[in-house]
Structures are given as structure tokens and as C-alpha cells.
């Protein structure tokens, strides 16, 4: 049985999308970041970094969303993480790309527009402009790739797509137009229609 310690953050959603796509039973344990529950001694017993998400499987724990997504697909013997070593490397490369590039800057913009003000800070226009510059450049790269690939590594849905979607969906509340990137927009719209994605808000709202 899996238990996921999480909060409605993009990193937690990556894992939730994968869990739902796999169709495996799991329990949700909400860790309220606004109450600093992630900093409690009890929570730090299961993860040294004091962050969500954390996956519990039987009597062991795993942190870092990418590692969790890979582990889940491996344990379930799912082609969401292909057995072929080259295909796996291609999945890994796109997960790394979104973590370090497009996803990073979309998360930075989301942080400036929403998280920072919520915590009492002031949005930095300079930081927003920097993020938008990189988002524009990197969205073009992804759009060109998706012109000839239905998903991140061709015609097969993988954890890379579910992982990336959690980042790219932030473009909507951040009001980043994807109209200049029709292939990226097509991919985003199709991912948004998947049952594994649609279940998430319902699951999180039930637990909140």
C-alpha cells in the first residue's frame, strides 16, 4: 500500500498524476505547509529535508518527486517508464529539462505572483520579467519538439509528460499565453483531459 504525504503543490501533483495514471490504490496524508507541519520533528523522522512530497511504501519512505515517479512506475512494471534503457534516458532527459528549465521558470513566475504575496512579500517585477524571458525561449523549444512528437518521447505517454504537466499547467493562472506555441498548447489541453489529471482536484479538495 502506498501513502503519499503531500500538499497541493506542483511537486506533489506530479506524483499524484502518476499514481492516478497507474490506477493503484493509495492514501493521502496532507501536510499543511501553512502551519509548518513539514518542519515538525515527527515529519522529519520520515524525510531529512522537511519537504513534500514523501512516499511511504510499506515501512520505507522516499522523497523527491522525480525519484518517486520513477519508483512507482518501476514497482508497477509500467511502460510509463519504459524498460528500454535508451527510452528511459529520454524520459529522464525531459524530466530534467522541465525541472531545470521551463518548469523552473514557470514555478518562479508562479512564486512571484502568488506564493510570495501570500507570505507577505512583494512581487518582484524584475524577477517576473526574467522568468517570462526564459519561458518564451524554452516554450518555443518544446513547441518545436512537439510538432513531430505527440508526447515527450514520441507516441507513448510516460511519466515525463505527467511530470511536465504539473509545471506547464501553471501557465494558466500566471496568464502566460500559449497561443504562439500551438503544439505545446495542444499537448497541454490533451493532458488536462486525462482522467488521472481530472481526479486530482477532487482528491485534494476532499482531504482539505
N, C-alpha and C. Protein backbone atom coordinates (compact mmCIF):
# COMPACT_ATOMS: atom_id res chain seq x y z
N UNK A 1 0.84 -1.19 0.00
CA UNK A 1 0.00 0.00 0.00
C UNK A 1 0.88 1.25 0.00
N UNK A 2 0.48 2.21 -0.80
CA UNK A 2 1.21 3.48 -0.85
C UNK A 2 0.48 4.53 -0.02
N UNK A 3 1.27 5.37 0.63
CA UNK A 3 0.73 6.56 1.28
C UNK A 3 1.57 7.74 0.82
N UNK A 4 0.90 8.81 0.39
CA UNK A 4 1.62 9.99 -0.06
C UNK A 4 1.39 11.14 0.90
N UNK A 5 2.47 11.62 1.47
CA UNK A 5 2.44 12.82 2.30
C UNK A 5 2.63 14.01 1.35
N UNK A 6 1.64 14.88 1.31
CA UNK A 6 1.70 15.92 0.29
C UNK A 6 0.90 17.16 0.70
N UNK A 7 0.96 18.14 -0.17
CA UNK A 7 0.19 19.39 -0.07
C UNK A 7 -0.08 19.78 -1.52
N UNK A 8 -1.11 20.58 -1.79
CA UNK A 8 -1.43 20.92 -3.20
C UNK A 8 -0.38 21.80 -3.88
N UNK A 9 0.84 21.28 -3.96
CA UNK A 9 1.91 21.96 -4.68
C UNK A 9 2.15 21.24 -6.00
N UNK A 10 2.88 21.88 -6.90
CA UNK A 10 3.14 21.25 -8.18
C UNK A 10 3.98 19.98 -8.01
N UNK A 11 4.91 20.00 -7.09
CA UNK A 11 5.73 18.80 -6.88
C UNK A 11 4.89 17.62 -6.40
N UNK A 12 3.93 17.88 -5.53
CA UNK A 12 3.05 16.81 -5.08
C UNK A 12 2.14 16.34 -6.21
N UNK A 13 1.69 17.28 -7.04
CA UNK A 13 0.79 16.92 -8.13
C UNK A 13 1.46 16.00 -9.14
N UNK A 14 2.76 16.17 -9.35
CA UNK A 14 3.47 15.26 -10.26
C UNK A 14 3.24 13.81 -9.85
N UNK A 15 3.42 13.55 -8.57
CA UNK A 15 3.29 12.18 -8.06
C UNK A 15 1.84 11.73 -8.10
N UNK A 16 0.93 12.63 -7.77
CA UNK A 16 -0.49 12.28 -7.79
C UNK A 16 -0.96 11.92 -9.20
N UNK A 17 -0.47 12.65 -10.18
CA UNK A 17 -0.83 12.33 -11.57
C UNK A 17 -0.35 10.92 -11.93
N UNK A 18 0.87 10.59 -11.52
CA UNK A 18 1.41 9.27 -11.83
C UNK A 18 0.64 8.18 -11.08
N UNK A 19 0.36 8.39 -9.82
CA UNK A 19 -0.40 7.40 -9.05
C UNK A 19 -1.75 7.14 -9.70
N UNK A 20 -2.43 8.20 -10.11
CA UNK A 20 -3.75 8.03 -10.73
C UNK A 20 -3.65 7.38 -12.10
N UNK A 21 -2.62 7.72 -12.86
CA UNK A 21 -2.44 7.11 -14.18
C UNK A 21 -2.16 5.62 -14.04
N UNK A 22 -1.42 5.24 -13.00
CA UNK A 22 -1.13 3.83 -12.76
C UNK A 22 -2.36 3.07 -12.28
N UNK A 23 -3.30 3.80 -11.67
CA UNK A 23 -4.51 3.17 -11.19
C UNK A 23 -4.32 2.31 -9.96
N UNK A 24 -3.34 2.66 -9.14
CA UNK A 24 -3.07 1.88 -7.94
C UNK A 24 -3.72 2.55 -6.72
N UNK A 25 -4.15 1.74 -5.73
CA UNK A 25 -4.72 2.35 -4.51
C UNK A 25 -3.65 3.05 -3.69
N UNK A 26 -4.01 4.17 -3.10
CA UNK A 26 -3.09 4.89 -2.23
C UNK A 26 -3.87 5.75 -1.26
N UNK A 27 -3.20 6.13 -0.19
CA UNK A 27 -3.78 7.03 0.80
C UNK A 27 -3.10 8.38 0.72
N UNK A 28 -3.86 9.42 1.00
CA UNK A 28 -3.30 10.77 1.05
C UNK A 28 -3.17 11.22 2.49
N UNK A 29 -2.03 11.79 2.80
CA UNK A 29 -1.82 12.40 4.10
C UNK A 29 -1.39 13.85 3.85
N UNK A 30 -2.30 14.79 4.08
CA UNK A 30 -2.00 16.20 3.82
C UNK A 30 -1.08 16.75 4.91
N UNK A 31 0.02 17.34 4.50
CA UNK A 31 0.94 18.03 5.40
C UNK A 31 0.73 19.53 5.15
N UNK A 32 0.18 20.21 6.12
CA UNK A 32 -0.18 21.62 5.93
C UNK A 32 1.06 22.51 6.02
N UNK A 33 1.50 22.96 4.87
CA UNK A 33 2.69 23.81 4.83
C UNK A 33 2.44 25.17 5.48
N UNK A 34 1.19 25.63 5.41
CA UNK A 34 0.87 26.94 6.00
C UNK A 34 0.96 26.89 7.53
N UNK A 35 0.87 25.69 8.08
CA UNK A 35 1.02 25.52 9.53
C UNK A 35 2.41 24.98 9.87
N UNK A 36 3.29 24.94 8.87
CA UNK A 36 4.67 24.47 9.05
C UNK A 36 4.76 23.04 9.56
N UNK A 37 3.78 22.22 9.19
CA UNK A 37 3.81 20.82 9.65
C UNK A 37 5.00 20.07 9.07
N UNK A 38 5.53 20.55 7.93
CA UNK A 38 6.69 19.90 7.32
C UNK A 38 7.96 20.08 8.14
N UNK A 39 7.92 21.03 9.08
CA UNK A 39 9.09 21.29 9.91
C UNK A 39 9.04 20.57 11.25
N UNK A 40 7.97 19.83 11.49
CA UNK A 40 7.82 19.16 12.77
C UNK A 40 8.83 18.02 12.92
N UNK A 41 9.17 17.71 14.14
CA UNK A 41 10.10 16.61 14.41
C UNK A 41 9.53 15.29 13.90
N UNK A 42 8.22 15.12 14.01
CA UNK A 42 7.58 13.88 13.58
C UNK A 42 7.73 13.69 12.08
N UNK A 43 7.51 14.78 11.31
CA UNK A 43 7.62 14.67 9.85
C UNK A 43 9.07 14.46 9.43
N UNK A 44 10.00 15.10 10.12
CA UNK A 44 11.41 14.97 9.75
C UNK A 44 11.97 13.58 10.07
N UNK A 45 11.22 12.78 10.79
CA UNK A 45 11.63 11.39 11.00
C UNK A 45 11.53 10.59 9.71
N UNK A 46 10.64 11.02 8.80
CA UNK A 46 10.46 10.26 7.57
C UNK A 46 11.17 10.90 6.38
N UNK A 47 11.63 12.14 6.52
CA UNK A 47 12.40 12.79 5.47
C UNK A 47 13.36 13.82 6.05
N UNK A 48 14.62 13.75 5.75
CA UNK A 48 15.58 14.69 6.34
C UNK A 48 15.44 16.11 5.80
N UNK A 49 14.78 16.26 4.63
CA UNK A 49 14.72 17.59 4.01
C UNK A 49 13.52 18.41 4.47
N UNK A 50 12.55 17.78 5.12
CA UNK A 50 11.41 18.53 5.62
C UNK A 50 10.56 19.16 4.52
N UNK A 51 10.38 18.41 3.42
CA UNK A 51 9.58 18.91 2.30
C UNK A 51 8.65 17.81 1.79
N UNK A 52 7.58 18.23 1.13
CA UNK A 52 6.69 17.28 0.46
C UNK A 52 6.99 17.33 -1.04
N UNK A 53 6.69 16.23 -1.74
CA UNK A 53 6.00 15.03 -1.30
C UNK A 53 6.97 13.99 -0.73
N UNK A 54 6.39 13.09 0.05
CA UNK A 54 7.11 11.91 0.54
C UNK A 54 6.21 10.70 0.31
N UNK A 55 6.76 9.67 -0.27
CA UNK A 55 6.01 8.44 -0.50
C UNK A 55 6.38 7.42 0.56
N UNK A 56 5.37 6.84 1.19
CA UNK A 56 5.57 5.70 2.07
C UNK A 56 5.12 4.45 1.33
N UNK A 57 6.00 3.48 1.25
CA UNK A 57 5.64 2.18 0.67
C UNK A 57 6.06 1.12 1.66
N UNK A 58 5.08 0.45 2.21
CA UNK A 58 5.31 -0.49 3.29
C UNK A 58 5.96 0.25 4.45
N UNK A 59 7.17 -0.09 4.84
CA UNK A 59 7.79 0.55 6.01
C UNK A 59 8.94 1.48 5.63
N UNK A 60 9.00 1.87 4.36
CA UNK A 60 10.09 2.74 3.93
C UNK A 60 9.53 4.01 3.30
N UNK A 61 10.42 5.01 3.18
CA UNK A 61 10.00 6.33 2.70
C UNK A 61 10.94 6.81 1.60
N UNK A 62 10.36 7.61 0.71
CA UNK A 62 11.12 8.13 -0.42
C UNK A 62 10.71 9.57 -0.66
N UNK A 63 11.71 10.45 -0.82
CA UNK A 63 11.40 11.85 -1.13
C UNK A 63 11.99 12.21 -2.49
N UNK A 64 11.67 13.42 -2.97
CA UNK A 64 11.98 13.95 -4.30
C UNK A 64 11.00 13.39 -5.34
N UNK A 65 10.24 14.30 -5.94
CA UNK A 65 9.13 13.90 -6.81
C UNK A 65 9.58 13.06 -8.01
N UNK A 66 10.71 13.41 -8.62
CA UNK A 66 11.18 12.64 -9.76
C UNK A 66 11.52 11.21 -9.38
N UNK A 67 12.23 11.05 -8.27
CA UNK A 67 12.58 9.71 -7.80
C UNK A 67 11.33 8.90 -7.47
N UNK A 68 10.35 9.54 -6.88
CA UNK A 68 9.10 8.86 -6.53
C UNK A 68 8.37 8.39 -7.79
N UNK A 69 8.28 9.27 -8.79
CA UNK A 69 7.58 8.91 -10.03
C UNK A 69 8.24 7.72 -10.71
N UNK A 70 9.57 7.73 -10.75
CA UNK A 70 10.30 6.61 -11.37
C UNK A 70 10.08 5.32 -10.57
N UNK A 71 10.15 5.43 -9.27
CA UNK A 71 9.98 4.26 -8.42
C UNK A 71 8.61 3.64 -8.60
N UNK A 72 7.58 4.45 -8.59
CA UNK A 72 6.21 3.95 -8.73
C UNK A 72 6.04 3.18 -10.04
N UNK A 73 6.51 3.77 -11.14
CA UNK A 73 6.38 3.11 -12.43
C UNK A 73 7.21 1.82 -12.48
N UNK A 74 8.36 1.83 -11.82
CA UNK A 74 9.20 0.62 -11.76
C UNK A 74 8.52 -0.50 -10.98
N UNK A 75 8.02 -0.16 -9.80
CA UNK A 75 7.40 -1.17 -8.95
C UNK A 75 6.17 -1.77 -9.63
N UNK A 76 5.43 -0.93 -10.34
CA UNK A 76 4.22 -1.40 -11.00
C UNK A 76 4.49 -1.98 -12.40
N UNK A 77 5.77 -2.06 -12.76
CA UNK A 77 6.15 -2.60 -14.07
C UNK A 77 5.40 -1.92 -15.22
N UNK A 78 5.32 -0.62 -15.13
CA UNK A 78 4.55 0.15 -16.10
C UNK A 78 5.43 0.71 -17.21
N UNK A 79 4.89 0.72 -18.41
CA UNK A 79 5.60 1.31 -19.53
C UNK A 79 5.57 2.84 -19.48
N UNK A 80 4.97 3.38 -18.44
CA UNK A 80 5.10 4.83 -18.21
C UNK A 80 6.58 5.19 -18.02
N UNK A 81 7.36 4.21 -17.60
CA UNK A 81 8.82 4.34 -17.52
C UNK A 81 9.38 3.14 -18.26
N UNK A 82 9.62 3.28 -19.55
CA UNK A 82 9.93 2.14 -20.42
C UNK A 82 11.11 1.31 -19.93
N UNK A 83 11.08 0.03 -20.26
CA UNK A 83 12.17 -0.87 -19.88
C UNK A 83 13.43 -0.62 -20.72
N UNK A 84 13.24 -0.23 -21.96
CA UNK A 84 14.38 0.05 -22.85
C UNK A 84 15.24 1.17 -22.26
N UNK A 85 16.54 0.92 -22.17
CA UNK A 85 17.43 1.87 -21.49
C UNK A 85 17.51 3.22 -22.20
N UNK A 86 17.52 3.21 -23.53
CA UNK A 86 17.57 4.48 -24.25
C UNK A 86 16.28 5.26 -24.06
N UNK A 87 15.15 4.57 -24.11
CA UNK A 87 13.87 5.25 -23.91
C UNK A 87 13.78 5.81 -22.49
N UNK A 88 14.31 5.08 -21.55
CA UNK A 88 14.33 5.58 -20.17
C UNK A 88 15.17 6.86 -20.08
N UNK A 89 16.30 6.85 -20.75
CA UNK A 89 17.17 8.02 -20.73
C UNK A 89 16.46 9.22 -21.34
N UNK A 90 15.65 8.96 -22.37
CA UNK A 90 14.90 10.06 -22.99
C UNK A 90 13.82 10.60 -22.06
N UNK A 91 13.20 9.70 -21.31
CA UNK A 91 12.25 10.14 -20.28
C UNK A 91 12.98 11.01 -19.25
N UNK A 92 14.13 10.53 -18.81
CA UNK A 92 14.92 11.26 -17.82
C UNK A 92 15.33 12.64 -18.33
N UNK A 93 15.71 12.71 -19.61
CA UNK A 93 16.19 13.99 -20.14
C UNK A 93 15.08 15.03 -20.12
N UNK A 94 13.85 14.62 -20.43
CA UNK A 94 12.76 15.59 -20.42
C UNK A 94 12.33 15.96 -19.01
N UNK A 95 12.41 15.01 -18.10
CA UNK A 95 12.12 15.34 -16.70
C UNK A 95 13.15 16.34 -16.19
N UNK A 96 14.41 16.13 -16.54
CA UNK A 96 15.48 17.06 -16.14
C UNK A 96 15.28 18.43 -16.80
N UNK A 97 14.89 18.41 -18.08
CA UNK A 97 14.68 19.67 -18.79
C UNK A 97 13.62 20.51 -18.10
N UNK A 98 12.50 19.89 -17.77
CA UNK A 98 11.42 20.67 -17.16
C UNK A 98 11.78 21.10 -15.74
N UNK A 99 12.51 20.28 -15.01
CA UNK A 99 12.93 20.67 -13.66
C UNK A 99 13.89 21.85 -13.68
N UNK A 100 14.79 21.85 -14.65
CA UNK A 100 15.87 22.83 -14.66
C UNK A 100 15.63 24.03 -15.58
N UNK A 101 14.65 23.93 -16.46
CA UNK A 101 14.46 24.99 -17.45
C UNK A 101 13.02 25.51 -17.46
N UNK A 102 12.18 25.03 -18.37
CA UNK A 102 10.84 25.61 -18.49
C UNK A 102 10.04 25.52 -17.20
N UNK A 103 10.06 24.35 -16.57
CA UNK A 103 9.32 24.20 -15.32
C UNK A 103 9.86 25.09 -14.21
N UNK A 104 11.16 25.23 -14.21
CA UNK A 104 11.78 26.07 -13.19
C UNK A 104 11.28 27.51 -13.30
N UNK A 105 11.23 28.03 -14.52
CA UNK A 105 10.85 29.44 -14.69
C UNK A 105 9.35 29.66 -14.54
N UNK A 106 8.55 28.68 -14.92
CA UNK A 106 7.11 28.79 -14.66
C UNK A 106 6.85 28.78 -13.15
N UNK A 107 7.58 27.95 -12.43
CA UNK A 107 7.44 27.91 -10.98
C UNK A 107 7.92 29.20 -10.34
N UNK A 108 8.98 29.79 -10.88
CA UNK A 108 9.48 31.07 -10.36
C UNK A 108 8.45 32.17 -10.55
N UNK A 109 7.82 32.17 -11.73
CA UNK A 109 6.79 33.18 -12.00
C UNK A 109 5.58 32.98 -11.09
N UNK A 110 5.18 31.73 -10.92
CA UNK A 110 4.05 31.43 -10.03
C UNK A 110 4.36 31.87 -8.60
N UNK A 111 5.59 31.61 -8.18
CA UNK A 111 6.02 32.01 -6.84
C UNK A 111 5.90 33.52 -6.66
N UNK A 112 6.40 34.27 -7.64
CA UNK A 112 6.37 35.73 -7.54
C UNK A 112 4.94 36.28 -7.53
N UNK A 113 4.09 35.68 -8.33
CA UNK A 113 2.73 36.20 -8.47
C UNK A 113 1.78 35.77 -7.36
N UNK A 114 2.01 34.59 -6.78
CA UNK A 114 1.04 34.05 -5.85
C UNK A 114 1.60 33.70 -4.47
N UNK A 115 2.67 32.91 -4.44
CA UNK A 115 3.18 32.42 -3.16
C UNK A 115 3.81 33.54 -2.34
N UNK A 116 4.63 34.33 -2.98
CA UNK A 116 5.34 35.41 -2.28
C UNK A 116 4.38 36.41 -1.64
N UNK A 117 3.37 36.90 -2.39
CA UNK A 117 2.41 37.82 -1.76
C UNK A 117 1.63 37.16 -0.63
N UNK A 118 1.31 35.87 -0.78
CA UNK A 118 0.58 35.16 0.26
C UNK A 118 1.37 35.10 1.55
N UNK A 119 2.71 35.07 1.41
CA UNK A 119 3.59 35.01 2.58
C UNK A 119 3.94 36.40 3.11
N UNK A 120 3.33 37.44 2.52
CA UNK A 120 3.56 38.79 2.99
C UNK A 120 4.64 39.55 2.25
N UNK A 121 5.20 38.93 1.21
CA UNK A 121 6.24 39.59 0.42
C UNK A 121 5.66 40.38 -0.74
N UNK A 122 6.52 41.01 -1.48
CA UNK A 122 6.10 41.84 -2.61
C UNK A 122 6.65 41.24 -3.91
N UNK A 123 5.79 41.14 -4.89
CA UNK A 123 6.19 40.60 -6.19
C UNK A 123 7.29 41.44 -6.81
N UNK A 124 8.32 40.80 -7.30
CA UNK A 124 9.42 41.48 -7.98
C UNK A 124 9.15 41.50 -9.48
N UNK A 125 8.96 42.69 -10.03
CA UNK A 125 8.72 42.80 -11.47
C UNK A 125 9.95 42.34 -12.26
N UNK A 126 11.13 42.61 -11.72
CA UNK A 126 12.36 42.18 -12.39
C UNK A 126 12.44 40.66 -12.47
N UNK A 127 12.06 40.00 -11.38
CA UNK A 127 12.08 38.53 -11.36
C UNK A 127 11.04 37.97 -12.33
N UNK A 128 9.88 38.63 -12.40
CA UNK A 128 8.83 38.19 -13.33
C UNK A 128 9.29 38.36 -14.77
N UNK A 129 9.92 39.47 -15.07
CA UNK A 129 10.40 39.72 -16.43
C UNK A 129 11.46 38.70 -16.83
N UNK A 130 12.34 38.37 -15.89
CA UNK A 130 13.38 37.38 -16.17
C UNK A 130 12.74 36.02 -16.46
N UNK A 131 11.77 35.63 -15.62
CA UNK A 131 11.10 34.34 -15.81
C UNK A 131 10.39 34.31 -17.16
N UNK A 132 9.69 35.38 -17.51
CA UNK A 132 8.94 35.42 -18.77
C UNK A 132 9.87 35.31 -19.98
N UNK A 133 11.06 35.88 -19.86
CA UNK A 133 12.02 35.81 -20.96
C UNK A 133 12.43 34.36 -21.22
N UNK A 134 12.76 33.64 -20.14
CA UNK A 134 13.16 32.25 -20.30
C UNK A 134 11.99 31.36 -20.70
N UNK A 135 10.81 31.65 -20.17
CA UNK A 135 9.62 30.87 -20.53
C UNK A 135 9.36 30.97 -22.03
N UNK A 136 9.48 32.16 -22.57
CA UNK A 136 9.25 32.37 -24.01
C UNK A 136 10.23 31.54 -24.84
N UNK A 137 11.49 31.60 -24.47
CA UNK A 137 12.52 30.88 -25.22
C UNK A 137 12.33 29.37 -25.12
N UNK A 138 12.08 28.88 -23.91
CA UNK A 138 12.01 27.44 -23.69
C UNK A 138 10.68 26.85 -24.17
N UNK A 139 9.62 27.64 -24.16
CA UNK A 139 8.35 27.18 -24.71
C UNK A 139 8.49 26.93 -26.21
N UNK A 140 9.26 27.76 -26.87
CA UNK A 140 9.49 27.59 -28.30
C UNK A 140 10.22 26.28 -28.58
N UNK A 141 11.18 25.94 -27.73
CA UNK A 141 11.91 24.67 -27.88
C UNK A 141 10.96 23.48 -27.77
N UNK A 142 10.12 23.49 -26.74
CA UNK A 142 9.18 22.39 -26.52
C UNK A 142 8.16 22.33 -27.65
N UNK A 143 7.69 23.48 -28.08
CA UNK A 143 6.71 23.53 -29.16
C UNK A 143 7.27 22.91 -30.44
N UNK A 144 8.50 23.22 -30.76
CA UNK A 144 9.12 22.65 -31.96
C UNK A 144 9.27 21.14 -31.83
N UNK A 145 9.61 20.66 -30.65
CA UNK A 145 9.74 19.22 -30.43
C UNK A 145 8.40 18.52 -30.60
N UNK A 146 7.35 19.12 -30.03
CA UNK A 146 6.03 18.50 -30.08
C UNK A 146 5.37 18.60 -31.45
N UNK A 147 5.98 19.33 -32.35
CA UNK A 147 5.47 19.38 -33.72
C UNK A 147 5.58 18.01 -34.38
N UNK A 148 6.56 17.22 -33.94
CA UNK A 148 6.78 15.90 -34.53
C UNK A 148 6.69 14.77 -33.52
N UNK A 149 6.26 15.09 -32.31
CA UNK A 149 6.13 14.10 -31.25
C UNK A 149 4.83 14.37 -30.50
N UNK A 150 3.98 13.34 -30.41
CA UNK A 150 2.71 13.56 -29.72
C UNK A 150 2.93 13.80 -28.23
N UNK A 151 3.86 13.03 -27.66
CA UNK A 151 4.22 13.18 -26.26
C UNK A 151 5.72 13.49 -26.17
N UNK A 152 6.24 13.50 -24.98
CA UNK A 152 7.64 13.89 -24.78
C UNK A 152 8.61 13.00 -25.52
N UNK A 153 8.31 11.69 -25.61
CA UNK A 153 9.25 10.81 -26.31
C UNK A 153 8.58 10.08 -27.47
N UNK A 154 7.67 10.76 -28.13
CA UNK A 154 7.04 10.17 -29.31
C UNK A 154 5.56 9.95 -29.12
N UNK A 155 5.08 8.74 -29.42
CA UNK A 155 3.65 8.45 -29.35
C UNK A 155 3.24 7.81 -28.03
N UNK A 156 4.19 7.60 -27.14
CA UNK A 156 3.90 6.90 -25.89
C UNK A 156 3.88 7.86 -24.71
N UNK A 157 2.76 7.88 -23.98
CA UNK A 157 2.68 8.65 -22.74
C UNK A 157 3.65 8.06 -21.72
N UNK A 158 4.40 8.91 -21.04
CA UNK A 158 5.31 8.45 -19.99
C UNK A 158 5.20 9.35 -18.77
N UNK A 159 5.92 8.97 -17.73
CA UNK A 159 5.93 9.81 -16.54
C UNK A 159 6.49 11.20 -16.84
N UNK A 160 7.28 11.32 -17.90
CA UNK A 160 7.81 12.64 -18.27
C UNK A 160 6.69 13.61 -18.58
N UNK A 161 5.63 13.14 -19.23
CA UNK A 161 4.50 14.00 -19.58
C UNK A 161 3.71 14.41 -18.34
N UNK A 162 3.45 13.47 -17.47
CA UNK A 162 2.70 13.77 -16.24
C UNK A 162 3.51 14.70 -15.35
N UNK A 163 4.79 14.45 -15.29
CA UNK A 163 5.73 15.27 -14.52
C UNK A 163 5.75 16.70 -15.08
N UNK A 164 5.87 16.81 -16.41
CA UNK A 164 5.94 18.12 -17.05
C UNK A 164 4.64 18.88 -16.94
N UNK A 165 3.52 18.16 -17.03
CA UNK A 165 2.23 18.84 -16.98
C UNK A 165 2.05 19.63 -15.68
N UNK A 166 2.53 19.06 -14.58
CA UNK A 166 2.41 19.75 -13.30
C UNK A 166 3.09 21.11 -13.32
N UNK A 167 4.14 21.23 -14.12
CA UNK A 167 4.81 22.53 -14.28
C UNK A 167 4.06 23.43 -15.26
N UNK A 168 3.74 22.88 -16.43
CA UNK A 168 3.22 23.72 -17.51
C UNK A 168 1.81 24.24 -17.20
N UNK A 169 1.03 23.51 -16.42
CA UNK A 169 -0.31 23.98 -16.10
C UNK A 169 -0.28 25.31 -15.32
N UNK A 170 0.87 25.65 -14.76
CA UNK A 170 0.99 26.93 -14.06
C UNK A 170 0.87 28.12 -15.01
N UNK A 171 1.04 27.87 -16.29
CA UNK A 171 0.90 28.95 -17.28
C UNK A 171 -0.49 29.55 -17.24
N UNK A 172 -1.49 28.75 -16.86
CA UNK A 172 -2.88 29.22 -16.87
C UNK A 172 -3.11 30.28 -15.80
N UNK A 173 -2.87 30.00 -14.51
CA UNK A 173 -3.07 31.07 -13.51
C UNK A 173 -2.10 32.23 -13.68
N UNK A 174 -0.93 31.96 -14.24
CA UNK A 174 0.05 33.02 -14.46
C UNK A 174 -0.25 33.86 -15.71
N UNK A 175 -1.29 33.45 -16.44
CA UNK A 175 -1.73 34.15 -17.65
C UNK A 175 -0.61 34.27 -18.69
N UNK A 176 0.13 33.17 -18.82
CA UNK A 176 1.13 33.06 -19.88
C UNK A 176 0.43 32.48 -21.11
N UNK A 177 0.33 33.23 -22.15
CA UNK A 177 -0.36 32.77 -23.35
C UNK A 177 0.46 31.70 -24.07
N UNK A 178 -0.20 30.61 -24.40
CA UNK A 178 0.45 29.56 -25.17
C UNK A 178 0.00 29.58 -26.63
N UNK A 179 -0.73 30.61 -27.00
CA UNK A 179 -1.20 30.72 -28.38
C UNK A 179 -0.05 30.74 -29.39
N UNK A 180 1.10 31.35 -29.06
CA UNK A 180 2.22 31.31 -30.02
C UNK A 180 2.85 29.92 -30.16
N UNK A 181 2.42 28.99 -29.29
CA UNK A 181 3.02 27.65 -29.26
C UNK A 181 1.92 26.61 -29.41
N UNK A 182 1.37 26.45 -30.62
CA UNK A 182 0.19 25.59 -30.82
C UNK A 182 0.41 24.13 -30.46
N UNK A 183 1.61 23.63 -30.66
CA UNK A 183 1.87 22.22 -30.34
C UNK A 183 1.94 22.01 -28.83
N UNK A 184 2.54 22.94 -28.14
CA UNK A 184 2.58 22.88 -26.68
C UNK A 184 1.17 23.04 -26.11
N UNK A 185 0.40 23.93 -26.68
CA UNK A 185 -0.98 24.12 -26.21
C UNK A 185 -1.82 22.88 -26.46
N UNK A 186 -1.65 22.25 -27.61
CA UNK A 186 -2.37 21.01 -27.91
C UNK A 186 -2.04 19.95 -26.88
N UNK A 187 -0.75 19.80 -26.58
CA UNK A 187 -0.31 18.82 -25.58
C UNK A 187 -0.92 19.13 -24.21
N UNK A 188 -0.87 20.40 -23.80
CA UNK A 188 -1.40 20.80 -22.50
C UNK A 188 -2.90 20.52 -22.42
N UNK A 189 -3.64 20.87 -23.46
CA UNK A 189 -5.08 20.65 -23.47
C UNK A 189 -5.42 19.16 -23.41
N UNK A 190 -4.66 18.34 -24.12
CA UNK A 190 -4.91 16.91 -24.10
C UNK A 190 -4.59 16.30 -22.73
N UNK A 191 -3.50 16.74 -22.15
CA UNK A 191 -3.13 16.24 -20.82
C UNK A 191 -4.20 16.62 -19.79
N UNK A 192 -4.76 17.80 -19.93
CA UNK A 192 -5.76 18.29 -18.98
C UNK A 192 -7.04 17.45 -19.01
N UNK A 193 -7.26 16.74 -20.12
CA UNK A 193 -8.46 15.93 -20.26
C UNK A 193 -8.30 14.50 -19.73
N UNK A 194 -7.11 14.13 -19.32
CA UNK A 194 -6.90 12.77 -18.84
C UNK A 194 -7.58 12.58 -17.48
N UNK A 195 -8.15 11.39 -17.29
CA UNK A 195 -8.81 11.08 -16.02
C UNK A 195 -7.86 11.21 -14.85
N UNK A 196 -6.62 10.81 -15.07
CA UNK A 196 -5.62 10.85 -13.99
C UNK A 196 -5.38 12.27 -13.52
N UNK A 197 -5.53 13.23 -14.41
CA UNK A 197 -5.35 14.64 -14.06
C UNK A 197 -6.63 15.19 -13.42
N UNK A 198 -7.78 14.84 -13.99
CA UNK A 198 -9.04 15.39 -13.51
C UNK A 198 -9.38 14.95 -12.09
N UNK A 199 -8.87 13.80 -11.68
CA UNK A 199 -9.17 13.30 -10.33
C UNK A 199 -8.48 14.09 -9.23
N UNK A 200 -7.42 14.77 -9.57
CA UNK A 200 -6.56 15.35 -8.54
C UNK A 200 -7.28 16.40 -7.69
N UNK A 201 -7.91 17.37 -8.31
CA UNK A 201 -8.57 18.42 -7.54
C UNK A 201 -9.62 17.84 -6.62
N UNK A 202 -10.36 16.85 -7.11
CA UNK A 202 -11.38 16.21 -6.28
C UNK A 202 -10.75 15.54 -5.07
N UNK A 203 -9.66 14.84 -5.30
CA UNK A 203 -8.98 14.15 -4.19
C UNK A 203 -8.43 15.14 -3.18
N UNK A 204 -7.80 16.19 -3.67
CA UNK A 204 -7.21 17.17 -2.77
C UNK A 204 -8.27 17.95 -2.02
N UNK A 205 -9.36 18.31 -2.70
CA UNK A 205 -10.43 19.06 -2.06
C UNK A 205 -11.12 18.24 -0.98
N UNK A 206 -11.19 16.92 -1.21
CA UNK A 206 -11.81 16.04 -0.21
C UNK A 206 -10.99 15.99 1.06
N UNK A 207 -9.66 16.04 0.88
CA UNK A 207 -8.76 15.92 2.03
C UNK A 207 -8.58 17.24 2.75
N UNK A 208 -8.85 18.38 2.08
CA UNK A 208 -8.64 19.70 2.71
C UNK A 208 -9.82 20.07 3.59
